[in-house]
Amino acid sequence: MYGSWQVIDKWAFRARSCDIGDEDIFIMSGMVVYDPKGSHKVRVFDVTYRRDQDGPWPARIYQPEGQGPFPSLLDVHGGAWTWGSYTDNERIDLSLAASGLVVAAIECCRAPKYAYPSQVTDVNYATRWLKAHARDFNADADCIGGLGTSSGGHALFLSAMRPNDPRYRTLPLPEGEDVSARLSYLLAAWPVLDPYARYLFAKENNRASLVEATNSYFLTHDAMKEGNPLLALERCEPVDLPPALIIQGTADNNVPLSALHRFIEVYRAAGGAVDIEWFPDMHHGFAYNYGAEPDRALEIMKAFVCRQLTGSEAPLCFRTGHPEFVSGRRNSPKQ
């Protein structure tokens, strides 16, 4: 069922633990530990998360070694909805996994063969799949967040904001349809949160490839406006608002920064909590590389995850089975 896996030796460091002893931690049922400064060996292997007429769709699992269970994270790659791969975010995924997160990076449908909302449907299904299979990867089903880069941030936010949208739940989960597609928190790096504004931005700046890619996925301007996290908020739609962190470079010429400013304003006005960390002179996709600013971005991501899981940036144990967030939900019908 599962593909081969390899051990990433460069992350072979001793894992940190909570202040109480390891035996005390793990003899308690349902306890999960996360330390953003932790260093775990990471197993990397591919699995099939779904199948259709086109064959198997892979997910790459980054599983920290240790007793666990670990909190987990769904990773959605970018590529202007038309290119990219589930391996694109490997540097980010490895670093997050080494801190004690199980990361599942999924392959998504791509235009022009698959149009909107195909990638959002993939994310919705993969969220439910990861919850149903969390134990297979020594993860906890109650501690699942999301990571999306570029257009993957668009799909991630849209699925998280509309987890019960019937258009996004068209893929049946064999393990049962009662599994929720809600995510506890979101990490978004250089995300496309207003695809229509991004389309106009690309046209104005003669970015023909981005114009073509956006048309290829959405097909119409109306779809760009409907499948739009920012405009959904401005329309006062009933949406979920999980806590979110946005990582953004100021020299990004792939997204209109004005749309990000507006998104943060309306997300907060709607009752959601969103942080943004600006990286001066950094370009689109800067954290794929090595260096001081990419490393700082990763540390900020880990600290944010820790705050969402424990309420603190210090390493803590927390009990699973906690209720999902409710304060950041704007009149969204309960599942």
Protein backbone atom coordinates (compact mmCIF):
# COMPACT_ATOMS: atom_id res chain seq x y z
CA MET A 1 0.00 0.00 0.00
CA TYR A 2 2.71 2.46 0.97
CA GLY A 3 5.80 3.28 -1.02
CA SER A 4 9.35 3.04 0.18
CA TRP A 5 10.68 5.51 2.70
CA GLN A 6 14.02 6.98 3.51
CA VAL A 7 15.50 8.48 6.66
CA ILE A 8 16.71 12.07 6.40
CA ASP A 9 19.96 11.80 8.33
CA LYS A 10 20.66 15.53 8.41
CA TRP A 11 17.81 15.90 10.91
CA ALA A 12 19.18 13.20 13.21
CA PHE A 13 19.20 15.10 16.44
CA ARG A 14 17.85 14.34 19.88
CA ALA A 15 14.20 15.30 20.30
CA ARG A 16 13.44 17.67 23.12
CA SER A 17 10.66 16.87 25.57
CA CYS A 18 8.43 18.60 28.08
CA ASP A 19 9.65 19.49 31.52
CA ILE A 20 8.07 16.34 32.93
CA GLY A 21 9.73 13.03 32.24
CA ASP A 22 9.11 11.13 29.02
CA GLU A 23 7.56 8.20 30.87
CA ASP A 24 5.15 10.54 32.60
CA ILE A 25 4.17 12.01 29.23
CA PHE A 26 3.48 8.87 27.32
CA ILE A 27 1.77 6.76 29.96
CA MET A 28 -0.99 9.37 29.96
CA SER A 29 -3.59 8.45 27.37
CA GLY A 30 -4.30 10.99 24.65
CA MET A 31 -1.38 13.34 25.31
CA VAL A 32 0.41 15.05 22.45
CA VAL A 33 3.69 16.93 22.72
CA TYR A 34 4.97 19.73 20.50
CA ASP A 35 8.20 21.65 20.95
CA PRO A 36 9.06 24.12 18.15
CA LYS A 37 12.74 23.75 19.07
CA GLY A 38 12.59 19.96 18.86
CA SER A 39 14.85 17.99 16.51
CA HIS A 40 13.61 14.62 15.29
CA LYS A 41 14.79 12.24 12.66
CA VAL A 42 12.27 12.27 9.82
CA ARG A 43 11.04 9.37 7.71
CA VAL A 44 9.97 10.37 4.20
CA PHE A 45 7.71 8.10 2.17
CA ASP A 46 4.93 8.29 -0.40
CA VAL A 47 1.40 6.96 -0.05
CA THR A 48 -1.69 7.07 -2.25
CA TYR A 49 -4.32 9.28 -0.69
CA ARG A 50 -6.96 8.73 -3.35
CA ARG A 51 -7.59 7.02 -6.69
CA ASP A 52 -9.74 7.94 -9.67
CA GLN A 53 -9.99 7.23 -13.38
CA ASP A 54 -6.58 8.86 -13.87
CA GLY A 55 -4.92 6.50 -11.40
CA PRO A 56 -3.35 7.04 -7.96
CA TRP A 57 -2.80 10.48 -6.43
CA PRO A 58 0.26 10.58 -4.15
CA ALA A 59 0.95 12.25 -0.84
CA ARG A 60 4.44 12.50 0.61
CA ILE A 61 4.54 11.87 4.35
CA TYR A 62 7.20 13.48 6.54
CA GLN A 63 6.96 11.55 9.80
CA PRO A 64 9.07 12.47 12.83
CA GLU A 65 10.52 9.51 14.66
CA GLY A 66 9.50 9.16 18.28
CA GLN A 67 6.78 7.77 20.47
CA GLY A 68 4.18 10.40 19.58
CA PRO A 69 1.42 10.85 18.72
CA PHE A 70 2.35 14.05 16.91
CA PRO A 71 0.20 16.94 15.67
CA SER A 72 -0.06 17.01 11.89
CA LEU A 73 -0.14 19.39 8.96
CA LEU A 74 -1.58 19.16 5.44
CA ASP A 75 0.68 20.79 2.82
CA VAL A 76 -0.73 22.19 -0.47
CA HIS A 77 1.81 23.24 -3.09
CA GLY A 78 1.57 26.20 -5.45
CA GLY A 79 2.10 26.60 -9.17
CA ALA A 80 -0.60 29.00 -10.42
CA TRP A 81 -3.07 26.08 -10.42
CA THR A 82 -1.37 24.65 -13.53
CA TRP A 83 2.08 23.37 -12.54
CA GLY A 84 4.05 22.44 -9.45
CA SER A 85 4.44 19.23 -7.48
CA TYR A 86 3.79 17.78 -4.04
CA THR A 87 7.57 17.73 -3.53
CA ASP A 88 7.99 21.49 -4.08
CA ASN A 89 7.80 22.45 -0.40
CA GLU A 90 10.23 19.79 0.80
CA ARG A 91 12.63 22.17 2.54
CA ILE A 92 9.74 23.66 4.52
CA ASP A 93 8.13 20.27 5.16
CA LEU A 94 11.35 18.68 6.42
CA SER A 95 12.01 21.50 8.84
CA LEU A 96 8.47 21.45 10.23
CA ALA A 97 8.53 17.65 10.53
CA ALA A 98 11.86 17.75 12.36
CA SER A 99 10.22 19.97 14.99
CA GLY A 100 7.62 17.28 15.68
CA LEU A 101 4.84 17.68 13.09
CA VAL A 102 3.63 14.93 10.78
CA VAL A 103 3.39 16.63 7.37
CA ALA A 104 1.33 15.23 4.49
CA ALA A 105 2.13 16.98 1.18
CA ILE A 106 -0.50 16.19 -1.45
CA GLU A 107 -0.47 16.17 -5.22
CA CYS A 108 -3.34 18.26 -6.62
CA CYS A 109 -5.33 18.34 -9.83
CA ARG A 110 -3.96 20.90 -12.27
CA ALA A 111 -5.43 22.99 -15.05
CA PRO A 112 -6.11 22.92 -17.94
CA LYS A 113 -7.36 19.36 -17.48
CA TYR A 114 -9.03 20.19 -14.17
CA ALA A 115 -10.76 23.52 -13.60
CA TYR A 116 -11.97 25.27 -10.45
CA PRO A 117 -12.90 24.00 -7.88
CA SER A 118 -10.81 20.84 -8.43
CA GLN A 119 -7.87 21.84 -6.22
CA VAL A 120 -10.17 22.98 -3.42
CA THR A 121 -11.95 19.64 -3.69
CA ASP A 122 -8.56 17.90 -3.35
CA VAL A 123 -7.79 19.86 -0.18
CA ASN A 124 -11.20 19.15 1.33
CA TYR A 125 -10.85 15.44 0.65
CA ALA A 126 -7.22 15.30 1.82
CA THR A 127 -8.13 17.01 5.09
CA ARG A 128 -10.74 14.34 5.80
CA TRP A 129 -8.38 11.59 4.61
CA LEU A 130 -5.57 12.75 6.91
CA LYS A 131 -7.92 12.81 9.89
CA ALA A 132 -9.14 9.30 9.06
CA HIS A 133 -5.58 7.97 8.65
CA ALA A 134 -3.75 10.01 11.29
CA ARG A 135 -2.95 6.95 13.39
CA ASP A 136 -1.24 5.32 10.40
CA PHE A 137 1.44 8.02 10.67
CA ASN A 138 1.60 8.28 14.47
CA ALA A 139 -0.37 11.52 14.28
CA ASP A 140 -3.35 12.81 16.19
CA ALA A 141 -6.57 13.49 14.27
CA ASP A 142 -7.56 16.38 16.53
CA CYS A 143 -4.41 18.44 15.93
CA ILE A 144 -4.43 19.10 12.17
CA GLY A 145 -3.45 22.39 10.56
CA GLY A 146 -2.81 23.42 6.97
CA LEU A 147 0.09 24.87 4.98
CA GLY A 148 -0.41 26.44 1.56
CA THR A 149 2.08 28.21 -0.70
CA SER A 150 1.07 30.60 -3.49
CA SER A 151 -1.99 29.18 -5.29
CA GLY A 152 -1.93 26.37 -2.72
CA GLY A 153 -2.72 29.07 -0.17
CA HIS A 154 -5.80 29.95 -2.21
CA ALA A 155 -7.06 26.34 -2.21
CA LEU A 156 -6.22 25.90 1.47
CA PHE A 157 -8.01 29.05 2.64
CA LEU A 158 -11.06 28.40 0.48
CA SER A 159 -11.46 24.83 1.73
CA ALA A 160 -10.89 25.89 5.35
CA MET A 161 -13.36 28.77 5.12
CA ARG A 162 -16.03 26.62 3.40
CA PRO A 163 -15.42 23.14 4.83
CA ASN A 164 -19.02 22.02 4.30
CA ASP A 165 -19.53 23.43 0.80
CA PRO A 166 -21.09 20.54 -1.17
CA ARG A 167 -19.06 21.47 -4.27
CA TYR A 168 -15.87 20.85 -2.31
CA ARG A 169 -17.07 17.59 -0.73
CA THR A 170 -17.88 15.77 -3.97
CA LEU A 171 -15.14 13.16 -3.41
CA PRO A 172 -16.55 10.49 -1.06
CA LEU A 173 -14.27 9.33 1.73
CA PRO A 174 -14.39 5.51 2.02
CA GLU A 175 -13.85 5.74 5.79
CA GLY A 176 -17.10 7.66 6.22
CA GLU A 177 -18.74 10.96 5.38
CA ASP A 178 -18.95 12.10 9.00
CA VAL A 179 -15.28 13.20 9.01
CA SER A 180 -14.92 16.98 9.23
CA ALA A 181 -12.90 19.00 6.73
CA ARG A 182 -12.23 21.75 9.27
CA LEU A 183 -8.64 22.73 10.05
CA SER A 184 -7.45 24.07 13.39
CA TYR A 185 -5.08 26.70 11.95
CA LEU A 186 -3.53 27.82 8.67
CA LEU A 187 0.00 28.70 7.53
CA ALA A 188 0.11 30.54 4.20
CA ALA A 189 3.27 31.61 2.42
CA TRP A 190 2.98 34.24 -0.35
CA PRO A 191 -0.67 33.16 -0.90
CA VAL A 192 -3.06 34.16 -3.68
CA LEU A 193 -6.10 35.26 -1.65
CA ASP A 194 -7.80 37.31 -4.36
CA PRO A 195 -7.37 35.49 -7.68
CA TYR A 196 -9.30 38.12 -9.61
CA ALA A 197 -7.08 40.94 -8.33
CA ARG A 198 -4.06 38.77 -9.08
CA TYR A 199 -5.37 38.22 -12.63
CA LEU A 200 -5.74 41.99 -13.19
CA PHE A 201 -2.31 42.56 -11.62
CA ALA A 202 -0.77 40.03 -14.02
CA LYS A 203 -2.44 41.67 -17.03
CA GLU A 204 -1.26 45.14 -16.00
CA ASN A 205 2.31 43.90 -15.58
CA ASN A 206 2.44 41.83 -18.78
CA ARG A 207 2.71 38.53 -16.90
CA ALA A 208 1.25 36.48 -19.73
CA SER A 209 1.95 33.11 -18.11
CA LEU A 210 0.01 34.06 -14.97
CA VAL A 211 -2.88 35.45 -17.03
CA GLU A 212 -3.05 32.24 -19.04
CA ALA A 213 -2.78 30.03 -15.96
CA THR A 214 -5.57 31.89 -14.14
CA ASN A 215 -7.85 31.70 -17.18
CA SER A 216 -7.01 28.03 -17.58
CA TYR A 217 -8.12 27.17 -14.05
CA PHE A 218 -11.06 29.50 -13.45
CA LEU A 219 -12.31 29.76 -17.06
CA THR A 220 -14.41 32.86 -16.31
CA HIS A 221 -14.10 36.12 -14.41
CA ASP A 222 -17.19 35.17 -12.43
CA ALA A 223 -15.44 32.04 -11.14
CA MET A 224 -12.40 34.11 -10.16
CA LYS A 225 -14.70 36.30 -8.10
CA GLU A 226 -16.77 33.47 -6.61
CA GLY A 227 -13.85 31.20 -5.65
CA ASN A 228 -12.20 34.08 -3.87
CA PRO A 229 -11.36 34.14 -0.14
CA LEU A 230 -11.18 37.95 0.04
CA LEU A 231 -14.40 38.59 -1.87
CA ALA A 232 -16.20 35.87 0.11
CA LEU A 233 -15.44 37.87 3.24
CA GLU A 234 -16.51 41.13 1.63
CA ARG A 235 -19.80 39.46 0.61
CA CYS A 236 -20.30 38.55 4.29
CA GLU A 237 -20.62 34.87 3.48
CA PRO A 238 -21.01 32.46 6.42
CA VAL A 239 -17.48 31.11 6.67
CA ASP A 240 -15.07 29.48 9.10
CA LEU A 241 -12.16 31.66 10.20
CA PRO A 242 -9.36 29.48 11.60
CA PRO A 243 -6.37 31.31 13.10
CA ALA A 244 -3.88 32.07 10.33
CA LEU A 245 -0.31 33.16 9.74
CA ILE A 246 0.81 34.72 6.45
CA ILE A 247 4.48 34.82 5.43
CA GLN A 248 5.09 37.46 2.77
CA GLY A 249 8.04 39.11 1.06
CA THR A 250 7.83 42.80 0.17
CA ALA A 251 9.56 42.29 -3.19
CA ASP A 252 7.01 39.73 -4.39
CA ASN A 253 6.04 40.56 -7.97
CA ASN A 254 3.63 37.61 -8.31
CA VAL A 255 0.83 38.84 -6.03
CA PRO A 256 -0.66 42.30 -5.46
CA LEU A 257 0.30 43.23 -1.92
CA SER A 258 -2.71 45.54 -1.68
CA ALA A 259 -4.98 42.48 -1.79
CA LEU A 260 -3.12 40.96 1.16
CA HIS A 261 -3.53 44.15 3.20
CA ARG A 262 -7.24 44.16 2.41
CA PHE A 263 -7.62 40.46 3.24
CA ILE A 264 -6.06 40.91 6.66
CA GLU A 265 -8.35 43.88 7.35
CA VAL A 266 -11.59 42.06 6.47
CA TYR A 267 -10.54 38.74 8.07
CA ARG A 268 -9.99 40.49 11.36
CA ALA A 269 -13.16 42.56 10.98
CA ALA A 270 -15.11 39.32 10.50
CA GLY A 271 -13.78 37.98 13.81
CA GLY A 272 -10.82 35.94 12.58
CA ALA A 273 -7.29 36.05 13.97
CA VAL A 274 -4.59 36.49 11.34
CA ASP A 275 -0.94 37.43 11.74
CA ILE A 276 1.31 38.54 8.91
CA GLU A 277 5.09 38.61 8.94
CA TRP A 278 6.65 40.84 6.28
CA PHE A 279 10.11 40.02 4.94
CA PRO A 280 11.81 43.08 3.45
CA ASP A 281 13.13 42.66 -0.10
CA MET A 282 12.15 38.98 -0.24
CA HIS A 283 10.62 37.61 -3.45
CA HIS A 284 7.87 35.09 -4.18
CA GLY A 285 8.86 31.67 -2.84
CA PHE A 286 11.88 32.94 -0.90
CA ALA A 287 11.59 30.33 1.88
CA TYR A 288 12.28 27.52 -0.58
CA ASN A 289 15.91 28.61 -0.37
CA TYR A 290 18.50 28.53 2.41
CA GLY A 291 19.57 31.61 4.31
CA ALA A 292 18.84 33.82 7.30
CA GLU A 293 15.42 35.06 6.16
CA PRO A 294 14.10 31.63 5.08
CA ASP A 295 15.29 30.24 8.41
CA ARG A 296 13.53 33.06 10.25
CA ALA A 297 10.32 32.30 8.35
CA LEU A 298 10.47 28.67 9.44
CA GLU A 299 11.03 29.60 13.07
CA ILE A 300 8.04 31.97 12.95
CA MET A 301 5.89 29.19 11.49
CA LYS A 302 6.89 26.79 14.26
CA ALA A 303 6.25 29.36 16.99
CA PHE A 304 2.82 30.08 15.51
CA VAL A 305 1.95 26.38 15.42
CA CYS A 306 3.02 26.03 19.04
CA ARG A 307 0.80 28.95 20.08
CA GLN A 308 -2.18 27.39 18.34
CA LEU A 309 -1.62 24.00 19.91
CA THR A 310 -0.59 25.01 23.40
CA GLY A 311 -1.36 28.69 23.88
CA SER A 312 2.36 29.32 24.40
CA GLU A 313 5.63 29.39 22.49
CA ALA A 314 7.20 27.12 25.13
CA PRO A 315 7.19 23.35 24.66
CA LEU A 316 4.11 21.92 26.29
CA CYS A 317 2.02 18.77 26.46
CA PHE A 318 -1.61 19.09 25.50
CA ARG A 319 -4.51 16.68 25.63
CA THR A 320 -6.15 15.55 22.40
CA GLY A 321 -9.81 15.30 21.73
CA HIS A 322 -10.28 19.02 22.38
CA PRO A 323 -13.14 20.74 20.53
CA GLU A 324 -12.29 22.51 17.30
CA PHE A 325 -12.16 26.29 17.37
CA VAL A 326 -15.55 27.99 17.48
CA SER A 327 -14.83 31.67 18.19
CA GLY A 328 -13.52 32.25 14.69
CA ARG A 329 -16.60 30.95 12.87
CA ARG A 330 -18.96 33.48 11.33
CA ASN A 331 -22.46 32.01 11.23
CA SER A 332 -21.20 28.85 9.59
CA PRO A 333 -23.64 25.95 9.90
CA LYS A 334 -22.41 23.16 12.15
CA GLN A 335 -21.50 19.89 10.52
